[in-house]
C-alpha atoms as a PDB file:
ATOM      1  CA  MET A   1     -13.188  -7.714  40.499  1.00  0.00           C
ATOM      2  CA  ASP A   2     -15.122  -9.223  37.666  1.00  0.00           C
ATOM      3  CA  LEU A   3     -17.024 -12.267  38.953  1.00  0.00           C
ATOM      4  CA  THR A   4     -18.129 -13.616  35.460  1.00  0.00           C
ATOM      5  CA  THR A   5     -16.247 -15.913  33.146  1.00  0.00           C
ATOM      6  CA  ARG A   6     -17.467 -16.630  29.470  1.00  0.00           C
ATOM      7  CA  LEU A   7     -16.401 -19.984  27.892  1.00  0.00           C
ATOM      8  CA  GLU A   8     -16.604 -20.886  24.196  1.00  0.00           C
ATOM      9  CA  ILE A   9     -17.762 -24.478  24.243  1.00  0.00           C
ATOM     10  CA  GLU A  10     -17.114 -26.851  21.274  1.00  0.00           C
ATOM     11  CA  GLY A  11     -18.726 -30.199  20.577  1.00  0.00           C
ATOM     12  CA  MET A  12     -22.266 -29.743  22.126  1.00  0.00           C
ATOM     13  CA  MET A  13     -25.067 -31.131  19.845  1.00  0.00           C
ATOM     14  CA  CYS A  14     -28.190 -30.387  21.969  1.00  0.00           C
ATOM     15  CA  GLN A  15     -29.278 -28.464  24.827  1.00  0.00           C
ATOM     16  CA  ALA A  16     -30.992 -31.187  26.823  1.00  0.00           C
ATOM     17  CA  SER A  17     -28.190 -33.542  27.113  1.00  0.00           C
ATOM     18  CA  CYS A  18     -24.884 -31.743  26.039  1.00  0.00           C
ATOM     19  CA  GLY A  19     -25.857 -28.481  27.573  1.00  0.00           C
ATOM     20  CA  ALA A  20     -26.892 -30.107  30.829  1.00  0.00           C
ATOM     21  CA  THR A  21     -23.568 -32.093  30.988  1.00  0.00           C
ATOM     22  CA  VAL A  22     -21.524 -28.956  30.589  1.00  0.00           C
ATOM     23  CA  GLU A  23     -23.443 -26.888  33.126  1.00  0.00           C
ATOM     24  CA  SER A  24     -23.176 -29.726  35.809  1.00  0.00           C
ATOM     25  CA  ALA A  25     -19.412 -29.967  35.260  1.00  0.00           C
ATOM     26  CA  LEU A  26     -18.961 -26.371  35.707  1.00  0.00           C
ATOM     27  CA  ASN A  27     -21.139 -26.195  38.815  1.00  0.00           C
ATOM     28  CA  ASP A  28     -18.967 -28.904  40.391  1.00  0.00           C
ATOM     29  CA  VAL A  29     -15.767 -26.611  40.173  1.00  0.00           C
ATOM     30  CA  ILE A  30     -14.983 -25.134  43.467  1.00  0.00           C
ATOM     31  CA  GLY A  31     -15.863 -21.512  43.765  1.00  0.00           C
ATOM     32  CA  VAL A  32     -18.525 -21.534  41.237  1.00  0.00           C
ATOM     33  CA  GLU A  33     -21.849 -20.001  42.165  1.00  0.00           C
ATOM     34  CA  SER A  34     -23.852 -20.849  39.068  1.00  0.00           C
ATOM     35  CA  ALA A  35     -23.114 -21.867  35.428  1.00  0.00           C
ATOM     36  CA  GLU A  36     -25.409 -21.655  32.446  1.00  0.00           C
ATOM     37  CA  ALA A  37     -24.443 -23.431  29.037  1.00  0.00           C
ATOM     38  CA  SER A  38     -26.081 -22.599  25.676  1.00  0.00           C
ATOM     39  CA  TYR A  39     -25.950 -24.860  22.783  1.00  0.00           C
ATOM     40  CA  ALA A  40     -27.477 -22.170  20.476  1.00  0.00           C
ATOM     41  CA  ARG A  41     -24.646 -19.976  21.372  1.00  0.00           C
ATOM     42  CA  SER A  42     -21.705 -22.558  21.819  1.00  0.00           C
ATOM     43  CA  GLU A  43     -20.904 -21.084  25.045  1.00  0.00           C
ATOM     44  CA  ALA A  44     -21.199 -20.954  28.930  1.00  0.00           C
ATOM     45  CA  ILE A  45     -21.406 -18.244  31.274  1.00  0.00           C
ATOM     46  CA  VAL A  46     -20.032 -18.928  34.880  1.00  0.00           C
ATOM     47  CA  LYS A  47     -20.516 -16.681  38.066  1.00  0.00           C
ATOM     48  CA  TRP A  48     -18.053 -17.121  40.774  1.00  0.00           C
ATOM     49  CA  ARG A  49     -18.670 -16.585  44.591  1.00  0.00           C
ATOM     50  CA  SER A  50     -17.457 -13.236  45.964  1.00  0.00           C
ATOM     51  CA  ASP A  51     -15.285 -15.075  48.584  1.00  0.00           C
ATOM     52  CA  THR A  52     -13.429 -17.107  46.202  1.00  0.00           C
ATOM     53  CA  LEU A  53     -10.411 -16.439  43.932  1.00  0.00           C
ATOM     54  CA  LYS A  54     -11.673 -17.650  40.355  1.00  0.00           C
ATOM     55  CA  ASN A  55      -9.241 -19.989  38.583  1.00  0.00           C
ATOM     56  CA  GLU A  56     -10.509 -20.140  34.956  1.00  0.00           C
ATOM     57  CA  ASN A  57      -8.165 -22.954  33.997  1.00  0.00           C
ATOM     58  CA  LEU A  58     -10.259 -25.263  36.322  1.00  0.00           C
ATOM     59  CA  LEU A  59     -13.363 -24.439  34.251  1.00  0.00           C
ATOM     60  CA  VAL A  60     -11.570 -25.440  30.944  1.00  0.00           C
ATOM     61  CA  ASP A  61     -10.325 -28.673  32.523  1.00  0.00           C
ATOM     62  CA  ALA A  62     -13.731 -29.568  33.969  1.00  0.00           C
ATOM     63  CA  VAL A  63     -15.553 -29.127  30.531  1.00  0.00           C
ATOM     64  CA  GLU A  64     -12.755 -31.233  28.561  1.00  0.00           C
ATOM     65  CA  ALA A  65     -13.138 -33.866  31.272  1.00  0.00           C
ATOM     66  CA  VAL A  66     -16.752 -34.616  29.995  1.00  0.00           C
ATOM     67  CA  GLY A  67     -15.678 -34.625  26.463  1.00  0.00           C
ATOM     68  CA  PHE A  68     -16.320 -31.226  25.174  1.00  0.00           C
ATOM     69  CA  GLY A  69     -13.825 -28.355  24.189  1.00  0.00           C
ATOM     70  CA  ALA A  70     -13.505 -25.223  26.046  1.00  0.00           C
ATOM     71  CA  SER A  71     -11.659 -21.820  25.812  1.00  0.00           C
ATOM     72  CA  ILE A  72     -11.901 -18.629  27.742  1.00  0.00           C
ATOM     73  CA  LYS A  73     -13.842 -15.912  25.872  1.00  0.00           C
ATOM     74  CA  PHE A  74     -12.179 -12.475  26.231  1.00  0.00           C
ATOM     75  CA  GLY A  75     -13.605  -9.056  25.191  1.00  0.00           C
ATOM     76  CA  THR A  76     -12.164  -7.444  22.063  1.00  0.00           C
ATOM     77  CA  ARG A  77     -10.732  -4.137  21.276  1.00  0.00           C
ATOM     78  CA  ILE A  78      -9.758  -2.331  18.229  1.00  0.00           C
ATOM     79  CA  LEU A  79      -6.091  -1.167  17.937  1.00  0.00           C
ATOM     80  CA  LYS A  80      -4.525   1.245  15.448  1.00  0.00           C
ATOM     81  CA  LEU A  81      -1.040   0.738  14.272  1.00  0.00           C
ATOM     82  CA  SER A  82       1.144   3.060  11.894  1.00  0.00           C
ATOM     83  CA  ILE A  83       3.105   0.980   9.468  1.00  0.00           C
ATOM     84  CA  GLN A  84       6.105   2.361   7.925  1.00  0.00           C
ATOM     85  CA  GLY A  85       8.073   0.573   4.919  1.00  0.00           C
ATOM     86  CA  MET A  86       5.368  -0.661   2.827  1.00  0.00           C
ATOM     87  CA  MET A  87       5.795  -0.129  -0.946  1.00  0.00           C
ATOM     88  CA  CYS A  88       2.507  -1.424  -2.287  1.00  0.00           C
ATOM     89  CA  GLN A  89      -0.795  -2.975  -1.026  1.00  0.00           C
ATOM     90  CA  ALA A  90      -0.756  -6.226  -3.048  1.00  0.00           C
ATOM     91  CA  SER A  91       2.524  -7.810  -1.494  1.00  0.00           C
ATOM     92  CA  CYS A  92       3.509  -5.524   1.404  1.00  0.00           C
ATOM     93  CA  GLY A  93       0.132  -4.964   2.738  1.00  0.00           C
ATOM     94  CA  THR A  94      -0.872  -8.772   2.452  1.00  0.00           C
ATOM     95  CA  THR A  95       2.437  -9.492   4.207  1.00  0.00           C
ATOM     96  CA  VAL A  96       1.686  -7.230   7.176  1.00  0.00           C
ATOM     97  CA  ARG A  97      -1.752  -8.381   7.324  1.00  0.00           C
ATOM     98  CA  SER A  98      -0.761 -12.032   7.372  1.00  0.00           C
ATOM     99  CA  ALA A  99       1.864 -11.265  10.178  1.00  0.00           C
ATOM    100  CA  LEU A 100      -0.888  -9.729  12.271  1.00  0.00           C
ATOM    101  CA  LEU A 101      -3.243 -12.505  11.889  1.00  0.00           C
ATOM    102  CA  GLY A 102      -0.596 -14.880  13.028  1.00  0.00           C
ATOM    103  CA  VAL A 103      -0.594 -13.377  16.475  1.00  0.00           C
ATOM    104  CA  LYS A 104      -2.684 -15.396  18.945  1.00  0.00           C
ATOM    105  CA  GLY A 105      -5.874 -13.411  19.889  1.00  0.00           C
ATOM    106  CA  CYS A 106      -5.953 -11.439  16.553  1.00  0.00           C
ATOM    107  CA  ARG A 107      -9.444 -11.598  15.234  1.00  0.00           C
ATOM    108  CA  SER A 108      -9.233  -9.633  12.180  1.00  0.00           C
ATOM    109  CA  ALA A 109      -6.868  -7.241  10.425  1.00  0.00           C
ATOM    110  CA  GLN A 110      -6.972  -4.395   7.819  1.00  0.00           C
ATOM    111  CA  VAL A 111      -3.927  -2.946   6.373  1.00  0.00           C
ATOM    112  CA  SER A 112      -3.767   0.091   4.196  1.00  0.00           C
ATOM    113  CA  TYR A 113      -0.483   0.943   2.161  1.00  0.00           C
ATOM    114  CA  PRO A 114      -1.851   4.394   0.991  1.00  0.00           C
ATOM    115  CA  LEU A 115      -2.692   5.438   4.612  1.00  0.00           C
ATOM    116  CA  GLY A 116       0.204   3.776   6.102  1.00  0.00           C
ATOM    117  CA  CYS A 117      -1.632   2.068   8.673  1.00  0.00           C
ATOM    118  CA  ALA A 118      -3.320  -1.009  10.061  1.00  0.00           C
ATOM    119  CA  GLU A 119      -6.458  -1.703  12.057  1.00  0.00           C
ATOM    120  CA  VAL A 120      -6.904  -4.889  14.168  1.00  0.00           C
ATOM    121  CA  GLU A 121      -9.597  -6.472  16.354  1.00  0.00           C
ATOM    122  CA  ILE A 122      -7.789  -8.283  19.181  1.00  0.00           C
ATOM    123  CA  ASP A 123      -8.536  -9.983  22.549  1.00  0.00           C
ATOM    124  CA  GLU A 124      -8.456  -7.789  25.552  1.00  0.00           C
ATOM    125  CA  ASN A 125      -5.405  -9.900  26.912  1.00  0.00           C
ATOM    126  CA  VAL A 126      -3.357  -9.606  23.696  1.00  0.00           C
ATOM    127  CA  ASN A 127       0.010  -7.698  24.400  1.00  0.00           C
ATOM    128  CA  GLU A 128       0.258  -4.760  21.881  1.00  0.00           C
ATOM    129  CA  ASN A 129       4.005  -5.409  21.705  1.00  0.00           C
ATOM    130  CA  ASP A 130       3.452  -8.766  20.173  1.00  0.00           C
ATOM    131  CA  LEU A 131       1.682  -7.110  17.306  1.00  0.00           C
ATOM    132  CA  VAL A 132       4.524  -4.679  16.698  1.00  0.00           C
ATOM    133  CA  GLN A 133       7.166  -7.388  16.949  1.00  0.00           C
ATOM    134  CA  ALA A 134       5.169  -9.539  14.256  1.00  0.00           C
ATOM    135  CA  VAL A 135       5.111  -6.648  11.981  1.00  0.00           C
ATOM    136  CA  GLU A 136       8.855  -5.893  12.469  1.00  0.00           C
ATOM    137  CA  ALA A 137       9.730  -9.655  11.972  1.00  0.00           C
ATOM    138  CA  VAL A 138       8.588  -9.364   8.406  1.00  0.00           C
ATOM    139  CA  GLY A 139      10.715  -6.190   7.704  1.00  0.00           C
ATOM    140  CA  PHE A 140       8.414  -3.173   8.443  1.00  0.00           C
ATOM    141  CA  ASP A 141       8.265  -0.796  11.289  1.00  0.00           C
ATOM    142  CA  ALA A 142       5.230  -0.432  13.462  1.00  0.00           C
ATOM    143  CA  ALA A 143       3.939   1.823  16.281  1.00  0.00           C
ATOM    144  CA  VAL A 144       0.713   1.719  18.334  1.00  0.00           C
ATOM    145  CA  LEU A 145      -1.456   4.777  17.524  1.00  0.00           C
ATOM    146  CA  TYR A 146      -4.214   4.281  19.970  1.00  0.00           C
ATOM    147  CA  THR A 147      -6.986   1.990  20.990  1.00  0.00           C
ATOM    148  CA  ASN A 148     -10.617   2.633  20.929  1.00  0.00           C
ATOM    149  CA  ASP A 149     -14.132   0.796  20.575  1.00  0.00           C
ATOM    150  CA  LYS A 150     -15.476  -0.870  17.569  1.00  0.00           C
ATOM    151  CA  ASN A 151     -17.806   2.019  16.482  1.00  0.00           C
ATOM    152  CA  ILE A 152     -14.904   3.979  14.932  1.00  0.00           C
ATOM    153  CA  SER A 153     -12.903   2.786  12.000  1.00  0.00           C
ATOM    154  CA  LEU A 154      -9.579   4.260  11.157  1.00  0.00           C
ATOM    155  CA  LEU A 155      -9.516   2.622   7.748  1.00  0.00           C
ATOM    156  CA  ASP A 156     -11.850   3.312   5.033  1.00  0.00           C
ATOM    157  CA  THR A 157     -11.410   0.276   3.035  1.00  0.00           C
ATOM    158  CA  THR A 158     -12.807   1.970  -0.212  1.00  0.00           C
ATOM    159  CA  GLN A 159     -10.251   4.907   0.069  1.00  0.00           C
ATOM    160  CA  ALA A 160      -7.582   2.575   0.981  1.00  0.00           C
ATOM    161  CA  ALA A 161      -8.041   0.400  -2.190  1.00  0.00           C
ATOM    162  CA  THR A 162      -8.265   3.456  -4.552  1.00  0.00           C
ATOM    163  CA  THR A 163      -5.968   6.283  -3.225  1.00  0.00           C
ATOM    164  CA  PRO A 164      -2.857   6.367  -5.095  1.00  0.00           C
ATOM    165  CA  ILE A 165       0.543   7.265  -3.693  1.00  0.00           C
ATOM    166  CA  ALA A 166       2.283   9.782  -6.079  1.00  0.00           C
ATOM    167  CA  THR A 167       5.666  11.132  -6.057  1.00  0.00           C
ATOM    168  CA  MET A 168       5.648  15.009  -5.773  1.00  0.00           C
ATOM    169  CA  THR A 169       6.810  16.543  -9.078  1.00  0.00           C
ATOM    170  CA  THR A 170       6.757  19.767 -10.775  1.00  0.00           C
ATOM    171  CA  LYS A 171       4.113  20.217 -13.458  1.00  0.00           C
ATOM    172  CA  ASN A 172       4.446  18.154 -16.508  1.00  0.00           C
ATOM    173  CA  GLU A 173       7.617  16.530 -15.098  1.00  0.00           C
ATOM    174  CA  MET A 174       8.259  12.846 -15.631  1.00  0.00           C
ATOM    175  CA  LEU A 175      10.256  10.935 -13.358  1.00  0.00           C
ATOM    176  CA  ALA A 176      12.002   7.602 -14.093  1.00  0.00           C
ATOM    177  CA  LYS A 177      12.146   4.730 -11.591  1.00  0.00           C
ATOM    178  CA  SER A 178      15.130   2.335 -10.912  1.00  0.00           C
ATOM    179  CA  GLU A 179      15.360  -0.673  -8.588  1.00  0.00           C
ATOM    180  CA  VAL A 180      18.520  -0.992  -6.434  1.00  0.00           C
ATOM    181  CA  ALA A 181      19.528  -3.976  -4.238  1.00  0.00           C
ATOM    182  CA  VAL A 182      21.193  -3.123  -0.947  1.00  0.00           C
ATOM    183  CA  ARG A 183      24.022  -5.612  -0.223  1.00  0.00           C
ATOM    184  CA  GLY A 184      25.205  -6.151   3.442  1.00  0.00           C
ATOM    185  CA  THR A 185      23.747  -6.294   6.849  1.00  0.00           C
ATOM    186  CA  LEU A 186      20.664  -4.136   6.840  1.00  0.00           C
ATOM    187  CA  THR A 187      19.074  -2.843  10.089  1.00  0.00           C
ATOM    188  CA  ARG A 188      16.277  -0.211  10.470  1.00  0.00           C
ATOM    189  CA  GLN A 189      18.743   2.282  11.640  1.00  0.00           C
ATOM    190  CA  VAL A 190      20.981   1.472   8.777  1.00  0.00           C
ATOM    191  CA  ALA A 191      18.189   1.535   6.099  1.00  0.00           C
ATOM    192  CA  GLN A 192      16.959   5.022   7.232  1.00  0.00           C
ATOM    193  CA  SER A 193      20.235   6.414   7.029  1.00  0.00           C
ATOM    194  CA  ILE A 194      20.790   5.078   3.396  1.00  0.00           C
ATOM    195  CA  LYS A 195      17.384   6.448   2.497  1.00  0.00           C
ATOM    196  CA  THR A 196      18.293   9.675   3.822  1.00  0.00           C
ATOM    197  CA  GLN A 197      21.612   9.986   2.031  1.00  0.00           C
ATOM    198  CA  VAL A 198      20.292   8.699  -1.351  1.00  0.00           C
ATOM    199  CA  GLU A 199      17.417  11.173  -1.449  1.00  0.00           C
ATOM    200  CA  ALA A 200      20.076  13.901  -0.750  1.00  0.00           C
ATOM    201  CA  CYS A 201      21.632  12.987  -4.191  1.00  0.00           C
ATOM    202  CA  ARG A 202      21.199  15.236  -7.104  1.00  0.00           C
ATOM    203  CA  GLY A 203      18.300  14.124  -9.176  1.00  0.00           C
ATOM    204  CA  VAL A 204      16.803  11.791  -6.848  1.00  0.00           C
ATOM    205  CA  ARG A 205      13.357  12.851  -5.691  1.00  0.00           C
ATOM    206  CA  ARG A 206      12.238   9.947  -3.551  1.00  0.00           C
ATOM    207  CA  CYS A 207      13.649   6.598  -2.199  1.00  0.00           C
ATOM    208  CA  ASP A 208      11.332   4.020  -1.045  1.00  0.00           C
ATOM    209  CA  MET A 209      13.170   1.387   1.091  1.00  0.00           C
ATOM    210  CA  SER A 210      12.026  -2.231   1.701  1.00  0.00           C
ATOM    211  CA  LEU A 211      13.749  -3.536   4.713  1.00  0.00           C
ATOM    212  CA  GLY A 212      12.663  -7.020   4.207  1.00  0.00           C
ATOM    213  CA  ALA A 213      13.520  -7.200   0.635  1.00  0.00           C
ATOM    214  CA  ALA A 214      16.816  -5.182   1.059  1.00  0.00           C
ATOM    215  CA  ARG A 215      15.884  -3.248  -1.999  1.00  0.00           C
ATOM    216  CA  MET A 216      15.084   0.518  -2.940  1.00  0.00           C
ATOM    217  CA  ILE A 217      12.730   1.868  -5.572  1.00  0.00           C
ATOM    218  CA  LEU A 218      14.297   5.354  -6.717  1.00  0.00           C
ATOM    219  CA  SER A 219      12.144   7.996  -8.288  1.00  0.00           C
ATOM    220  CA  HIS A 220      14.400  10.171 -10.126  1.00  0.00           C
ATOM    221  CA  GLU A 221      15.013  12.523 -12.960  1.00  0.00           C
ATOM    222  CA  PRO A 222      15.765  10.865 -16.204  1.00  0.00           C
ATOM    223  CA  SER A 223      19.182  12.407 -16.454  1.00  0.00           C
ATOM    224  CA  CYS A 224      20.335  10.874 -13.052  1.00  0.00           C
ATOM    225  CA  ASN A 225      22.614   7.960 -13.726  1.00  0.00           C
ATOM    226  CA  VAL A 226      21.546   5.571 -11.103  1.00  0.00           C
ATOM    227  CA  ALA A 227      24.134   2.954 -11.849  1.00  0.00           C
ATOM    228  CA  THR A 228      26.945   5.472 -11.446  1.00  0.00           C
ATOM    229  CA  LEU A 229      25.314   6.776  -8.231  1.00  0.00           C
ATOM    230  CA  CYS A 230      25.451   3.248  -6.910  1.00  0.00           C
ATOM    231  CA  ARG A 231      29.042   2.799  -7.578  1.00  0.00           C
ATOM    232  CA  THR A 232      30.253   6.054  -6.416  1.00  0.00           C
ATOM    233  CA  LEU A 233      28.244   7.060  -3.580  1.00  0.00           C
ATOM    234  CA  GLN A 234      30.121   6.886  -0.061  1.00  0.00           C
ATOM    235  CA  LEU A 235      27.543   6.032   2.422  1.00  0.00           C
ATOM    236  CA  ARG A 236      28.435   7.520   5.666  1.00  0.00           C
ATOM    237  CA  GLY A 237      28.092   5.469   8.816  1.00  0.00           C
ATOM    238  CA  CYS A 238      27.116   2.350   6.895  1.00  0.00           C
ATOM    239  CA  GLU A 239      30.055  -0.006   6.975  1.00  0.00           C
ATOM    240  CA  ASN A 240      30.072  -3.214   4.562  1.00  0.00           C
ATOM    241  CA  ILE A 241      26.959  -1.794   2.762  1.00  0.00           C
ATOM    242  CA  SER A 242      26.947  -1.572  -1.112  1.00  0.00           C
ATOM    243  CA  LEU A 243      24.479  -0.637  -3.543  1.00  0.00           C
ATOM    244  CA  GLN A 244      23.804  -2.463  -6.843  1.00  0.00           C
ATOM    245  CA  MET A 245      21.252  -1.345  -9.580  1.00  0.00           C
ATOM    246  CA  ILE A 246      19.145  -4.176 -10.871  1.00  0.00           C
ATOM    247  CA  ASP A 247      20.208  -4.120 -14.524  1.00  0.00           C
ATOM    248  CA  ASP A 248      19.396  -6.985 -16.566  1.00  0.00           C
ATOM    249  CA  ASP A 249      21.070  -5.869 -19.696  1.00  0.00           C
ATOM    250  CA  ASP A 250      24.730  -6.727 -18.909  1.00  0.00           C
ATOM    251  CA  ASP A 251      26.512 -10.168 -19.340  1.00  0.00           C
ATOM    252  CA  ASP A 252      26.230 -11.998 -22.380  1.00  0.00           C
ATOM    253  CA  ASP A 253      26.058 -15.972 -22.666  1.00  0.00           C
ATOM    254  CA  ASP A 254      29.393 -17.804 -22.411  1.00  0.00           C
ATOM    255  CA  ASP A 255      30.172 -21.425 -23.189  1.00  0.00           C
ATOM    256  CA  ASN A 256      29.008 -22.888 -19.789  1.00  0.00           C
ATOM    257  CA  GLN A 257      26.025 -20.662 -19.235  1.00  0.00           C
ATOM    258  CA  LYS A 258      22.757 -19.682 -20.828  1.00  0.00           C
ATOM    259  CA  VAL A 259      20.902 -16.402 -20.261  1.00  0.00           C
ATOM    260  CA  ILE A 260      17.035 -16.233 -20.349  1.00  0.00           C
ATOM    261  CA  TYR A 261      14.890 -12.946 -20.126  1.00  0.00           C
ATOM    262  CA  LEU A 262      11.482 -13.307 -18.908  1.00  0.00           C
ATOM    263  CA  GLY A 263       8.796 -10.811 -18.722  1.00  0.00           C
ATOM    264  CA  VAL A 264       6.879 -10.691 -15.439  1.00  0.00           C
ATOM    265  CA  GLU A 265       3.548  -9.139 -14.962  1.00  0.00           C
ATOM    266  CA  GLY A 266       1.866  -8.295 -11.601  1.00  0.00           C
ATOM    267  CA  MET A 267       4.841  -7.005  -9.615  1.00  0.00           C
ATOM    268  CA  SER A 268       4.178  -3.753  -7.913  1.00  0.00           C
ATOM    269  CA  CYS A 269       7.154  -2.993  -5.701  1.00  0.00           C
ATOM    270  CA  ALA A 270      10.776  -4.313  -4.642  1.00  0.00           C
ATOM    271  CA  ALA A 271       9.141  -6.770  -2.343  1.00  0.00           C
ATOM    272  CA  CYS A 272       7.422  -8.480  -5.210  1.00  0.00           C
ATOM    273  CA  SER A 273      10.581  -8.656  -7.394  1.00  0.00           C
ATOM    274  CA  SER A 274      12.670  -9.799  -4.456  1.00  0.00           C
ATOM    275  CA  LYS A 275      10.099 -12.636  -3.932  1.00  0.00           C
ATOM    276  CA  VAL A 276      10.404 -13.916  -7.631  1.00  0.00           C
ATOM    277  CA  GLU A 277      14.194 -13.569  -7.498  1.00  0.00           C
ATOM    278  CA  ARG A 278      14.654 -15.794  -4.514  1.00  0.00           C
ATOM    279  CA  ALA A 279      12.288 -18.373  -5.971  1.00  0.00           C
ATOM    280  CA  LEU A 280      14.235 -18.485  -9.144  1.00  0.00           C
ATOM    281  CA  LYS A 281      17.507 -18.579  -7.492  1.00  0.00           C
ATOM    282  CA  LYS A 282      16.459 -21.848  -5.436  1.00  0.00           C
ATOM    283  CA  LEU A 283      16.012 -23.847  -8.818  1.00  0.00           C
ATOM    284  CA  GLU A 284      18.822 -26.246  -9.324  1.00  0.00           C
ATOM    285  CA  PHE A 285      19.700 -25.120 -12.902  1.00  0.00           C
ATOM    286  CA  VAL A 286      19.797 -21.555 -12.124  1.00  0.00           C
ATOM    287  CA  ASP A 287      23.346 -19.914 -11.237  1.00  0.00           C
ATOM    288  CA  GLU A 288      21.998 -16.272 -10.951  1.00  0.00           C
ATOM    289  CA  ALA A 289      18.880 -14.290 -11.295  1.00  0.00           C
ATOM    290  CA  ALA A 290      17.932 -10.534 -11.386  1.00  0.00           C
ATOM    291  CA  VAL A 291      14.451  -9.248 -11.071  1.00  0.00           C
ATOM    292  CA  SER A 292      13.291  -5.720 -11.440  1.00  0.00           C
ATOM    293  CA  SER A 293       9.833  -4.545 -10.642  1.00  0.00           C
ATOM    294  CA  THR A 294      10.591  -1.295 -12.288  1.00  0.00           C
ATOM    295  CA  THR A 295      11.277  -2.912 -15.909  1.00  0.00           C
ATOM    296  CA  HIS A 296       9.096  -5.881 -15.165  1.00  0.00           C
ATOM    297  CA  ARG A 297      11.682  -8.234 -16.369  1.00  0.00           C
ATOM    298  CA  ALA A 298      13.798 -11.161 -15.010  1.00  0.00           C
ATOM    299  CA  LYS A 299      17.241 -12.243 -16.243  1.00  0.00           C
ATOM    300  CA  VAL A 300      18.144 -15.601 -15.487  1.00  0.00           C
ATOM    301  CA  ILE A 301      21.675 -17.295 -15.949  1.00  0.00           C
ATOM    302  CA  MET A 302      21.282 -21.020 -16.284  1.00  0.00           C
ATOM    303  CA  ASN A 303      24.009 -23.838 -16.119  1.00  0.00           C
ATOM    304  CA  GLU A 304      23.591 -27.135 -17.857  1.00  0.00           C
ATOM    305  CA  SER A 305      22.411 -29.308 -14.964  1.00  0.00           C
ATOM    306  CA  LEU A 306      18.895 -29.743 -15.985  1.00  0.00           C
ATOM    307  CA  GLY A 307      18.878 -30.632 -19.578  1.00  0.00           C
ATOM    308  CA  SER A 308      16.954 -29.087 -22.360  1.00  0.00           C
ATOM    309  CA  LYS A 309      16.641 -25.370 -22.606  1.00  0.00           C
ATOM    310  CA  GLU A 310      12.884 -25.762 -23.394  1.00  0.00           C
ATOM    311  CA  GLU A 311      12.355 -27.619 -20.043  1.00  0.00           C
ATOM    312  CA  SER A 312      14.217 -25.083 -18.200  1.00  0.00           C
ATOM    313  CA  GLU A 313      12.132 -22.438 -19.462  1.00  0.00           C
ATOM    314  CA  LYS A 314       8.998 -24.225 -18.731  1.00  0.00           C
ATOM    315  CA  ILE A 315      10.090 -24.611 -15.022  1.00  0.00           C
ATOM    316  CA  LEU A 316      11.055 -20.935 -14.777  1.00  0.00           C
ATOM    317  CA  ILE A 317       7.492 -19.697 -16.079  1.00  0.00           C
ATOM    318  CA  ASP A 318       5.660 -22.124 -13.852  1.00  0.00           C
ATOM    319  CA  THR A 319       7.797 -20.846 -10.824  1.00  0.00           C
ATOM    320  CA  ILE A 320       6.609 -17.456 -11.693  1.00  0.00           C
ATOM    321  CA  HIS A 321       3.110 -18.397 -12.085  1.00  0.00           C
ATOM    322  CA  SER A 322       3.046 -20.344  -8.655  1.00  0.00           C
ATOM    323  CA  LEU A 323       3.835 -17.050  -6.899  1.00  0.00           C
ATOM    324  CA  GLY A 324       0.923 -15.338  -8.386  1.00  0.00           C
ATOM    325  CA  PHE A 325       2.596 -13.488 -11.286  1.00  0.00           C
ATOM    326  CA  LYS A 326       2.334 -14.106 -14.843  1.00  0.00           C
ATOM    327  CA  GLY A 327       5.577 -14.786 -16.701  1.00  0.00           C
ATOM    328  CA  TRP A 328       6.640 -15.364 -20.365  1.00  0.00           C
ATOM    329  CA  LEU A 329       9.833 -15.527 -22.470  1.00  0.00           C
ATOM    330  CA  GLN A 330      11.137 -12.441 -23.690  1.00  0.00           C
ATOM    331  CA  LYS A 331      13.986 -11.242 -26.215  1.00  0.00           C
ATOM    332  CA  LYS A 332      17.041  -9.724 -24.504  1.00  0.00           C
ATOM    333  CA  ASN A 333      16.539  -6.226 -26.090  1.00  0.00           C
ATOM    334  CA  ALA A 334      12.620  -6.068 -25.334  1.00  0.00           C
ATOM    335  CA  LYS A 335      11.661  -3.295 -23.010  1.00  0.00           C
ATOM    336  CA  GLY A 336       9.669  -3.503 -19.752  1.00  0.00           C
ATOM    337  CA  MET A 337       6.050  -2.853 -19.987  1.00  0.00           C
END
């Protein structure tokens, strides 16, 4: 049994008085053989008697009783996770990293979309399943690869930032990209089934599925009619699921609605476009919104509840900017960037 406990001490301002006070409080705890507090390192090291069951919570209580903060210091380890479902670094990678850092005891996290993995430094007492569940909660799949010491790093951050993910094509072949919304109750099993069935369709070369955004990015031959595919494809084993191409060139204005087209710069995947679309739909004067990361456009159908069109347009653009993207007014027949 390890007879040593390390504590992180907060609030000490000197060694002579504060350090001595902490040491005295710790030495008074039943079962403690010796205690040493260090103002310079903001920590205390406690050694227990071999004939005593150590109760580390008593140490924390003793330090807090004399006016300082205390917490148990655990050793750390490096954990590698495979991450599936990411479609970009900027949005998906950041979302996964934030989820991992939100787990108590996670000291640091690096996520690589090109490598499809994450590396975290965690306290020894952290449950690996908590990390997996945190990633799954934001719409991605995760699995533990292995644990090692701090001397080996799975992630080369330079490579992770610069290595592109390319769709396999024949020489000189140009593929088009289309964004498709998935309507209905979407589980990981259903999402994988949809991906498999869509990739089996003629002309479709790749389907990147974002479970959290409930969207797909299809890389396909230019001759492939994605809108028709979405209407006619019979998905096996996927009840109450429908596919809808994000197409902003339909519906004209009518007497009660106004349609505004916006250019949106900075979106890199379906998770980005879904984020912008949800924010626009929350605005009181917006009846409907469709945002596509493949055309870099947003189509917004407004009602008359706000007042002037100019004021509405400004709020729409400000909303896009607040999410970290650039937005501007665009004519209906303008093409994506």
